[in-house]
PDB file of N, CA and C in Angstrom:
ATOM      1  N   MET A   1      11.402 -20.422  47.455  1.00  0.00           N
ATOM      2  CA  MET A   1       9.970 -20.450  47.374  1.00  0.00           C
ATOM      3  C   MET A   1       9.420 -21.278  48.527  1.00  0.00           C
ATOM      4  N   ALA A   2       8.399 -20.742  49.161  1.00  0.00           N
ATOM      5  CA  ALA A   2       7.841 -21.413  50.324  1.00  0.00           C
ATOM      6  C   ALA A   2       6.321 -21.330  50.312  1.00  0.00           C
ATOM      7  N   HIS A   3       5.714 -22.261  51.013  1.00  0.00           N
ATOM      8  CA  HIS A   3       4.262 -22.293  51.207  1.00  0.00           C
ATOM      9  C   HIS A   3       3.969 -22.086  52.685  1.00  0.00           C
ATOM     10  N   LEU A   4       2.852 -21.474  52.961  1.00  0.00           N
ATOM     11  CA  LEU A   4       2.366 -21.341  54.328  1.00  0.00           C
ATOM     12  C   LEU A   4       0.845 -21.353  54.262  1.00  0.00           C
ATOM     13  N   VAL A   5       0.228 -22.230  55.035  1.00  0.00           N
ATOM     14  CA  VAL A   5      -1.222 -22.257  55.094  1.00  0.00           C
ATOM     15  C   VAL A   5      -1.650 -21.367  56.247  1.00  0.00           C
ATOM     16  N   CYS A   6      -2.419 -20.345  55.914  1.00  0.00           N
ATOM     17  CA  CYS A   6      -2.906 -19.396  56.906  1.00  0.00           C
ATOM     18  C   CYS A   6      -3.901 -20.084  57.831  1.00  0.00           C
ATOM     19  N   LYS A   7      -4.095 -19.516  59.002  1.00  0.00           N
ATOM     20  CA  LYS A   7      -5.067 -20.072  59.945  1.00  0.00           C
ATOM     21  C   LYS A   7      -6.476 -20.059  59.382  1.00  0.00           C
ATOM     22  N   CYS A   8      -6.737 -19.194  58.399  1.00  0.00           N
ATOM     23  CA  CYS A   8      -8.064 -19.158  57.764  1.00  0.00           C
ATOM     24  C   CYS A   8      -8.198 -20.236  56.681  1.00  0.00           C
ATOM     25  N   GLY A   9      -7.092 -20.932  56.374  1.00  0.00           N
ATOM     26  CA  GLY A   9      -7.122 -22.006  55.392  1.00  0.00           C
ATOM     27  C   GLY A   9      -6.552 -21.642  54.035  1.00  0.00           C
ATOM     28  N   TYR A  10      -6.244 -20.375  53.808  1.00  0.00           N
ATOM     29  CA  TYR A  10      -5.704 -19.949  52.516  1.00  0.00           C
ATOM     30  C   TYR A  10      -4.264 -20.424  52.377  1.00  0.00           C
ATOM     31  N   ASP A  11      -3.933 -21.038  51.248  1.00  0.00           N
ATOM     32  CA  ASP A  11      -2.581 -21.547  50.992  1.00  0.00           C
ATOM     33  C   ASP A  11      -1.765 -20.448  50.314  1.00  0.00           C
ATOM     34  N   MET A  12      -0.810 -19.890  51.041  1.00  0.00           N
ATOM     35  CA  MET A  12       0.023 -18.807  50.510  1.00  0.00           C
ATOM     36  C   MET A  12       1.306 -19.399  49.921  1.00  0.00           C
ATOM     37  N   TRP A  13       1.785 -18.760  48.872  1.00  0.00           N
ATOM     38  CA  TRP A  13       2.999 -19.192  48.181  1.00  0.00           C
ATOM     39  C   TRP A  13       3.719 -17.957  47.678  1.00  0.00           C
ATOM     40  N   ASN A  14       5.032 -17.893  47.899  1.00  0.00           N
ATOM     41  CA  ASN A  14       5.796 -16.715  47.469  1.00  0.00           C
ATOM     42  C   ASN A  14       6.583 -16.969  46.194  1.00  0.00           C
ATOM     43  N   GLY A  15       6.177 -17.941  45.405  1.00  0.00           N
ATOM     44  CA  GLY A  15       6.922 -18.310  44.204  1.00  0.00           C
ATOM     45  C   GLY A  15       6.723 -17.393  43.019  1.00  0.00           C
ATOM     46  N   GLU A  16       5.647 -16.640  42.986  1.00  0.00           N
ATOM     47  CA  GLU A  16       5.440 -15.709  41.877  1.00  0.00           C
ATOM     48  C   GLU A  16       6.204 -14.424  42.151  1.00  0.00           C
ATOM     49  N   SER A  17       6.664 -13.808  41.095  1.00  0.00           N
ATOM     50  CA  SER A  17       7.371 -12.542  41.246  1.00  0.00           C
ATOM     51  C   SER A  17       6.880 -11.579  40.174  1.00  0.00           C
ATOM     52  N   PRO A  18       6.297 -10.491  40.556  1.00  0.00           N
ATOM     53  CA  PRO A  18       6.044 -10.029  41.929  1.00  0.00           C
ATOM     54  C   PRO A  18       4.841 -10.747  42.529  1.00  0.00           C
ATOM     55  N   ASN A  19       4.715 -10.629  43.848  1.00  0.00           N
ATOM     56  CA  ASN A  19       3.550 -11.189  44.521  1.00  0.00           C
ATOM     57  C   ASN A  19       3.048 -10.205  45.565  1.00  0.00           C
ATOM     58  N   ASP A  20       1.801 -10.389  45.997  1.00  0.00           N
ATOM     59  CA  ASP A  20       1.190  -9.511  46.989  1.00  0.00           C
ATOM     60  C   ASP A  20       1.207 -10.107  48.385  1.00  0.00           C
ATOM     61  N   ILE A  21       1.954 -11.183  48.565  1.00  0.00           N
ATOM     62  CA  ILE A  21       1.977 -11.879  49.852  1.00  0.00           C
ATOM     63  C   ILE A  21       3.184 -11.493  50.698  1.00  0.00           C
ATOM     64  N   GLU A  22       4.327 -11.322  50.069  1.00  0.00           N
ATOM     65  CA  GLU A  22       5.584 -11.177  50.801  1.00  0.00           C
ATOM     66  C   GLU A  22       6.052  -9.720  50.844  1.00  0.00           C
ATOM     67  N   PHE A  23       6.445  -9.287  52.048  1.00  0.00           N
ATOM     68  CA  PHE A  23       6.945  -7.934  52.265  1.00  0.00           C
ATOM     69  C   PHE A  23       8.274  -8.010  53.012  1.00  0.00           C
ATOM     70  N   TRP A  24       9.099  -7.002  52.823  1.00  0.00           N
ATOM     71  CA  TRP A  24      10.387  -6.932  53.509  1.00  0.00           C
ATOM     72  C   TRP A  24      10.346  -5.738  54.444  1.00  0.00           C
ATOM     73  N   ALA A  25      10.632  -5.955  55.733  1.00  0.00           N
ATOM     74  CA  ALA A  25      10.598  -4.883  56.729  1.00  0.00           C
ATOM     75  C   ALA A  25      12.011  -4.564  57.186  1.00  0.00           C
ATOM     76  N   PHE A  26      12.320  -3.286  57.150  1.00  0.00           N
ATOM     77  CA  PHE A  26      13.631  -2.795  57.560  1.00  0.00           C
ATOM     78  C   PHE A  26      13.446  -1.868  58.752  1.00  0.00           C
ATOM     79  N   SER A  27      14.230  -2.071  59.799  1.00  0.00           N
ATOM     80  CA  SER A  27      14.164  -1.158  60.937  1.00  0.00           C
ATOM     81  C   SER A  27      14.804   0.173  60.547  1.00  0.00           C
ATOM     82  N   ASP A  28      14.511   1.181  61.322  1.00  0.00           N
ATOM     83  CA  ASP A  28      15.109   2.493  61.091  1.00  0.00           C
ATOM     84  C   ASP A  28      16.635   2.403  61.199  1.00  0.00           C
ATOM     85  N   LYS A  29      17.111   1.608  62.141  1.00  0.00           N
ATOM     86  CA  LYS A  29      18.557   1.425  62.321  1.00  0.00           C
ATOM     87  C   LYS A  29      19.185   0.795  61.083  1.00  0.00           C
ATOM     88  N   THR A  30      18.541  -0.229  60.539  1.00  0.00           N
ATOM     89  CA  THR A  30      19.058  -0.872  59.331  1.00  0.00           C
ATOM     90  C   THR A  30      19.067   0.102  58.162  1.00  0.00           C
ATOM     91  N   MET A  31      17.989   0.866  57.997  1.00  0.00           N
ATOM     92  CA  MET A  31      17.938   1.857  56.909  1.00  0.00           C
ATOM     93  C   MET A  31      19.030   2.905  57.081  1.00  0.00           C
ATOM     94  N   ASP A  32      19.309   3.291  58.327  1.00  0.00           N
ATOM     95  CA  ASP A  32      20.383   4.252  58.585  1.00  0.00           C
ATOM     96  C   ASP A  32      21.729   3.658  58.181  1.00  0.00           C
ATOM     97  N   GLU A  33      21.960   2.393  58.531  1.00  0.00           N
ATOM     98  CA  GLU A  33      23.211   1.737  58.142  1.00  0.00           C
ATOM     99  C   GLU A  33      23.321   1.619  56.623  1.00  0.00           C
ATOM    100  N   LEU A  34      22.211   1.305  55.961  1.00  0.00           N
ATOM    101  CA  LEU A  34      22.221   1.208  54.505  1.00  0.00           C
ATOM    102  C   LEU A  34      22.500   2.560  53.854  1.00  0.00           C
ATOM    103  N   SER A  35      22.060   3.621  54.484  1.00  0.00           N
ATOM    104  CA  SER A  35      22.250   4.948  53.890  1.00  0.00           C
ATOM    105  C   SER A  35      23.721   5.369  53.883  1.00  0.00           C
ATOM    106  N   TYR A  36      24.535   4.727  54.703  1.00  0.00           N
ATOM    107  CA  TYR A  36      25.960   5.055  54.721  1.00  0.00           C
ATOM    108  C   TYR A  36      26.736   4.339  53.615  1.00  0.00           C
ATOM    109  N   GLU A  37      26.119   3.367  52.980  1.00  0.00           N
ATOM    110  CA  GLU A  37      26.784   2.679  51.878  1.00  0.00           C
ATOM    111  C   GLU A  37      26.784   3.584  50.653  1.00  0.00           C
ATOM    112  N   ASP A  38      27.839   3.506  49.851  1.00  0.00           N
ATOM    113  CA  ASP A  38      27.943   4.351  48.665  1.00  0.00           C
ATOM    114  C   ASP A  38      26.810   4.106  47.685  1.00  0.00           C
ATOM    115  N   SER A  39      26.498   2.856  47.468  1.00  0.00           N
ATOM    116  CA  SER A  39      25.375   2.518  46.606  1.00  0.00           C
ATOM    117  C   SER A  39      24.695   1.287  47.182  1.00  0.00           C
ATOM    118  N   ILE A  40      23.408   1.237  47.019  1.00  0.00           N
ATOM    119  CA  ILE A  40      22.637   0.114  47.534  1.00  0.00           C
ATOM    120  C   ILE A  40      22.027  -0.610  46.343  1.00  0.00           C
ATOM    121  N   PRO A  41      22.649  -1.704  45.912  1.00  0.00           N
ATOM    122  CA  PRO A  41      22.070  -2.456  44.798  1.00  0.00           C
ATOM    123  C   PRO A  41      20.689  -2.980  45.183  1.00  0.00           C
ATOM    124  N   PHE A  42      19.707  -2.688  44.361  1.00  0.00           N
ATOM    125  CA  PHE A  42      18.319  -3.055  44.647  1.00  0.00           C
ATOM    126  C   PHE A  42      18.175  -4.542  44.938  1.00  0.00           C
ATOM    127  N   LEU A  43      18.859  -5.383  44.191  1.00  0.00           N
ATOM    128  CA  LEU A  43      18.703  -6.827  44.369  1.00  0.00           C
ATOM    129  C   LEU A  43      19.321  -7.350  45.656  1.00  0.00           C
ATOM    130  N   SER A  44      20.160  -6.558  46.313  1.00  0.00           N
ATOM    131  CA  SER A  44      20.743  -7.021  47.574  1.00  0.00           C
ATOM    132  C   SER A  44      19.869  -6.673  48.774  1.00  0.00           C
ATOM    133  N   LEU A  45      18.837  -5.855  48.598  1.00  0.00           N
ATOM    134  CA  LEU A  45      17.987  -5.458  49.724  1.00  0.00           C
ATOM    135  C   LEU A  45      17.312  -6.635  50.425  1.00  0.00           C
ATOM    136  N   PRO A  46      16.787  -7.642  49.710  1.00  0.00           N
ATOM    137  CA  PRO A  46      16.177  -8.765  50.436  1.00  0.00           C
ATOM    138  C   PRO A  46      17.147  -9.505  51.354  1.00  0.00           C
ATOM    139  N   ASN A  47      18.445  -9.342  51.171  1.00  0.00           N
ATOM    140  CA  ASN A  47      19.420  -9.990  52.052  1.00  0.00           C
ATOM    141  C   ASN A  47      19.723  -9.160  53.285  1.00  0.00           C
ATOM    142  N   LYS A  48      19.211  -7.944  53.360  1.00  0.00           N
ATOM    143  CA  LYS A  48      19.529  -7.037  54.461  1.00  0.00           C
ATOM    144  C   LYS A  48      18.323  -6.733  55.346  1.00  0.00           C
ATOM    145  N   TYR A  49      17.202  -7.383  55.115  1.00  0.00           N
ATOM    146  CA  TYR A  49      15.990  -7.076  55.866  1.00  0.00           C
ATOM    147  C   TYR A  49      16.083  -7.531  57.314  1.00  0.00           C
ATOM    148  N   ASP A  50      15.264  -6.926  58.159  1.00  0.00           N
ATOM    149  CA  ASP A  50      15.164  -7.340  59.553  1.00  0.00           C
ATOM    150  C   ASP A  50      14.060  -8.378  59.746  1.00  0.00           C
ATOM    151  N   TYR A  51      12.975  -8.200  59.008  1.00  0.00           N
ATOM    152  CA  TYR A  51      11.863  -9.133  59.104  1.00  0.00           C
ATOM    153  C   TYR A  51      11.284  -9.381  57.723  1.00  0.00           C
ATOM    154  N   ASN A  52      10.851 -10.599  57.504  1.00  0.00           N
ATOM    155  CA  ASN A  52      10.106 -10.965  56.302  1.00  0.00           C
ATOM    156  C   ASN A  52       8.661 -11.129  56.757  1.00  0.00           C
ATOM    157  N   VAL A  53       7.739 -10.445  56.085  1.00  0.00           N
ATOM    158  CA  VAL A  53       6.344 -10.431  56.506  1.00  0.00           C
ATOM    159  C   VAL A  53       5.475 -10.971  55.373  1.00  0.00           C
ATOM    160  N   TRP A  54       4.605 -11.886  55.709  1.00  0.00           N
ATOM    161  CA  TRP A  54       3.633 -12.404  54.741  1.00  0.00           C
ATOM    162  C   TRP A  54       2.254 -11.940  55.169  1.00  0.00           C
ATOM    163  N   ARG A  55       1.443 -11.489  54.201  1.00  0.00           N
ATOM    164  CA  ARG A  55       0.073 -11.048  54.475  1.00  0.00           C
ATOM    165  C   ARG A  55      -0.892 -11.927  53.685  1.00  0.00           C
ATOM    166  N   CYS A  56      -1.814 -12.533  54.405  1.00  0.00           N
ATOM    167  CA  CYS A  56      -2.820 -13.370  53.763  1.00  0.00           C
ATOM    168  C   CYS A  56      -3.785 -12.485  52.978  1.00  0.00           C
ATOM    169  N   PRO A  57      -3.963 -12.748  51.688  1.00  0.00           N
ATOM    170  CA  PRO A  57      -4.882 -11.927  50.906  1.00  0.00           C
ATOM    171  C   PRO A  57      -6.348 -12.134  51.274  1.00  0.00           C
ATOM    172  N   LYS A  58      -6.653 -13.226  51.951  1.00  0.00           N
ATOM    173  CA  LYS A  58      -8.042 -13.516  52.302  1.00  0.00           C
ATOM    174  C   LYS A  58      -8.456 -12.842  53.614  1.00  0.00           C
ATOM    175  N   CYS A  59      -7.709 -13.084  54.708  1.00  0.00           N
ATOM    176  CA  CYS A  59      -8.103 -12.552  56.024  1.00  0.00           C
ATOM    177  C   CYS A  59      -7.214 -11.416  56.520  1.00  0.00           C
ATOM    178  N   LYS A  60      -6.136 -11.113  55.799  1.00  0.00           N
ATOM    179  CA  LYS A  60      -5.203 -10.012  56.101  1.00  0.00           C
ATOM    180  C   LYS A  60      -4.332 -10.260  57.332  1.00  0.00           C
ATOM    181  N   ARG A  61      -4.250 -11.514  57.821  1.00  0.00           N
ATOM    182  CA  ARG A  61      -3.313 -11.802  58.912  1.00  0.00           C
ATOM    183  C   ARG A  61      -1.895 -11.539  58.442  1.00  0.00           C
ATOM    184  N   LEU A  62      -1.044 -11.125  59.374  1.00  0.00           N
ATOM    185  CA  LEU A  62       0.379 -10.923  59.095  1.00  0.00           C
ATOM    186  C   LEU A  62       1.187 -12.001  59.807  1.00  0.00           C
ATOM    187  N   TYR A  63       2.094 -12.621  59.066  1.00  0.00           N
ATOM    188  CA  TYR A  63       3.016 -13.613  59.603  1.00  0.00           C
ATOM    189  C   TYR A  63       4.415 -13.019  59.502  1.00  0.00           C
ATOM    190  N   VAL A  64       5.084 -12.872  60.645  1.00  0.00           N
ATOM    191  CA  VAL A  64       6.383 -12.202  60.694  1.00  0.00           C
ATOM    192  C   VAL A  64       7.469 -13.227  60.974  1.00  0.00           C
ATOM    193  N   PHE A  65       8.445 -13.284  60.064  1.00  0.00           N
ATOM    194  CA  PHE A  65       9.595 -14.176  60.196  1.00  0.00           C
ATOM    195  C   PHE A  65      10.834 -13.332  60.445  1.00  0.00           C
ATOM    196  N   ASP A  66      11.711 -13.789  61.334  1.00  0.00           N
ATOM    197  CA  ASP A  66      12.978 -13.075  61.505  1.00  0.00           C
ATOM    198  C   ASP A  66      14.154 -13.939  61.084  1.00  0.00           C
ATOM    199  N   GLU A  67      13.863 -15.104  60.546  1.00  0.00           N
ATOM    200  CA  GLU A  67      14.912 -15.968  60.018  1.00  0.00           C
ATOM    201  C   GLU A  67      14.683 -16.122  58.522  1.00  0.00           C
ATOM    202  N   LYS A  68      15.737 -16.359  57.781  1.00  0.00           N
ATOM    203  CA  LYS A  68      15.624 -16.446  56.341  1.00  0.00           C
ATOM    204  C   LYS A  68      15.139 -17.813  55.859  1.00  0.00           C
ATOM    205  N   GLY A  69      14.834 -18.726  56.778  1.00  0.00           N
ATOM    206  CA  GLY A  69      14.429 -20.059  56.374  1.00  0.00           C
ATOM    207  C   GLY A  69      12.939 -20.297  56.328  1.00  0.00           C
ATOM    208  N   TYR A  70      12.130 -19.314  56.702  1.00  0.00           N
ATOM    209  CA  TYR A  70      10.668 -19.455  56.721  1.00  0.00           C
ATOM    210  C   TYR A  70      10.237 -20.672  57.532  1.00  0.00           C
ATOM    211  N   VAL A  71      10.965 -21.012  58.574  1.00  0.00           N
ATOM    212  CA  VAL A  71      10.662 -22.225  59.331  1.00  0.00           C
ATOM    213  C   VAL A  71       9.329 -22.059  60.066  1.00  0.00           C
ATOM    214  N   GLN A  72       9.257 -21.143  60.968  1.00  0.00           N
ATOM    215  CA  GLN A  72       8.038 -20.836  61.706  1.00  0.00           C
ATOM    216  C   GLN A  72       7.969 -19.321  61.876  1.00  0.00           C
ATOM    217  N   PRO A  73       6.792 -18.749  61.754  1.00  0.00           N
ATOM    218  CA  PRO A  73       6.701 -17.315  61.999  1.00  0.00           C
ATOM    219  C   PRO A  73       6.974 -17.020  63.469  1.00  0.00           C
ATOM    220  N   LYS A  74       7.646 -15.912  63.713  1.00  0.00           N
ATOM    221  CA  LYS A  74       7.928 -15.509  65.089  1.00  0.00           C
ATOM    222  C   LYS A  74       6.698 -14.854  65.705  1.00  0.00           C
ATOM    223  N   TYR A  75       5.954 -14.102  64.891  1.00  0.00           N
ATOM    224  CA  TYR A  75       4.744 -13.424  65.348  1.00  0.00           C
ATOM    225  C   TYR A  75       3.637 -13.624  64.322  1.00  0.00           C
ATOM    226  N   VAL A  76       2.396 -13.656  64.804  1.00  0.00           N
ATOM    227  CA  VAL A  76       1.236 -13.690  63.930  1.00  0.00           C
ATOM    228  C   VAL A  76       0.267 -12.627  64.443  1.00  0.00           C
ATOM    229  N   TYR A  77      -0.179 -11.753  63.519  1.00  0.00           N
ATOM    230  CA  TYR A  77      -1.104 -10.678  63.882  1.00  0.00           C
ATOM    231  C   TYR A  77      -2.343 -10.799  63.017  1.00  0.00           C
ATOM    232  N   ARG A  78      -3.500 -10.542  63.607  1.00  0.00           N
ATOM    233  CA  ARG A  78      -4.728 -10.505  62.809  1.00  0.00           C
ATOM    234  C   ARG A  78      -5.403  -9.155  63.027  1.00  0.00           C
ATOM    235  N   PRO A  79      -6.037  -8.642  62.011  1.00  0.00           N
ATOM    236  CA  PRO A  79      -6.706  -7.357  62.155  1.00  0.00           C
ATOM    237  C   PRO A  79      -7.854  -7.448  63.163  1.00  0.00           C
ATOM    238  N   GLU A  80      -8.070  -6.366  63.878  1.00  0.00           N
ATOM    239  CA  GLU A  80      -9.187  -6.323  64.826  1.00  0.00           C
ATOM    240  C   GLU A  80     -10.490  -6.082  64.115  1.00  0.00           C
TER     241      GLU A  80
END
């Protein structure tokens, strides 16, 4: 569970399950590799993601992490 304060000031937290803040992004290559596995246990998918993405419910900014530690986002995007 982690907290992140958005640039707009909204305090995001991924501790609730399910939540509308956290998303898992898989590249096409990763999905192709997963498709070769005999079975894909649903609960193991969060361990195979390429990017973890958080979306602020207030301003809709996206925070993209590529490490599993939520240390610092690698990219930040805001809607135009």
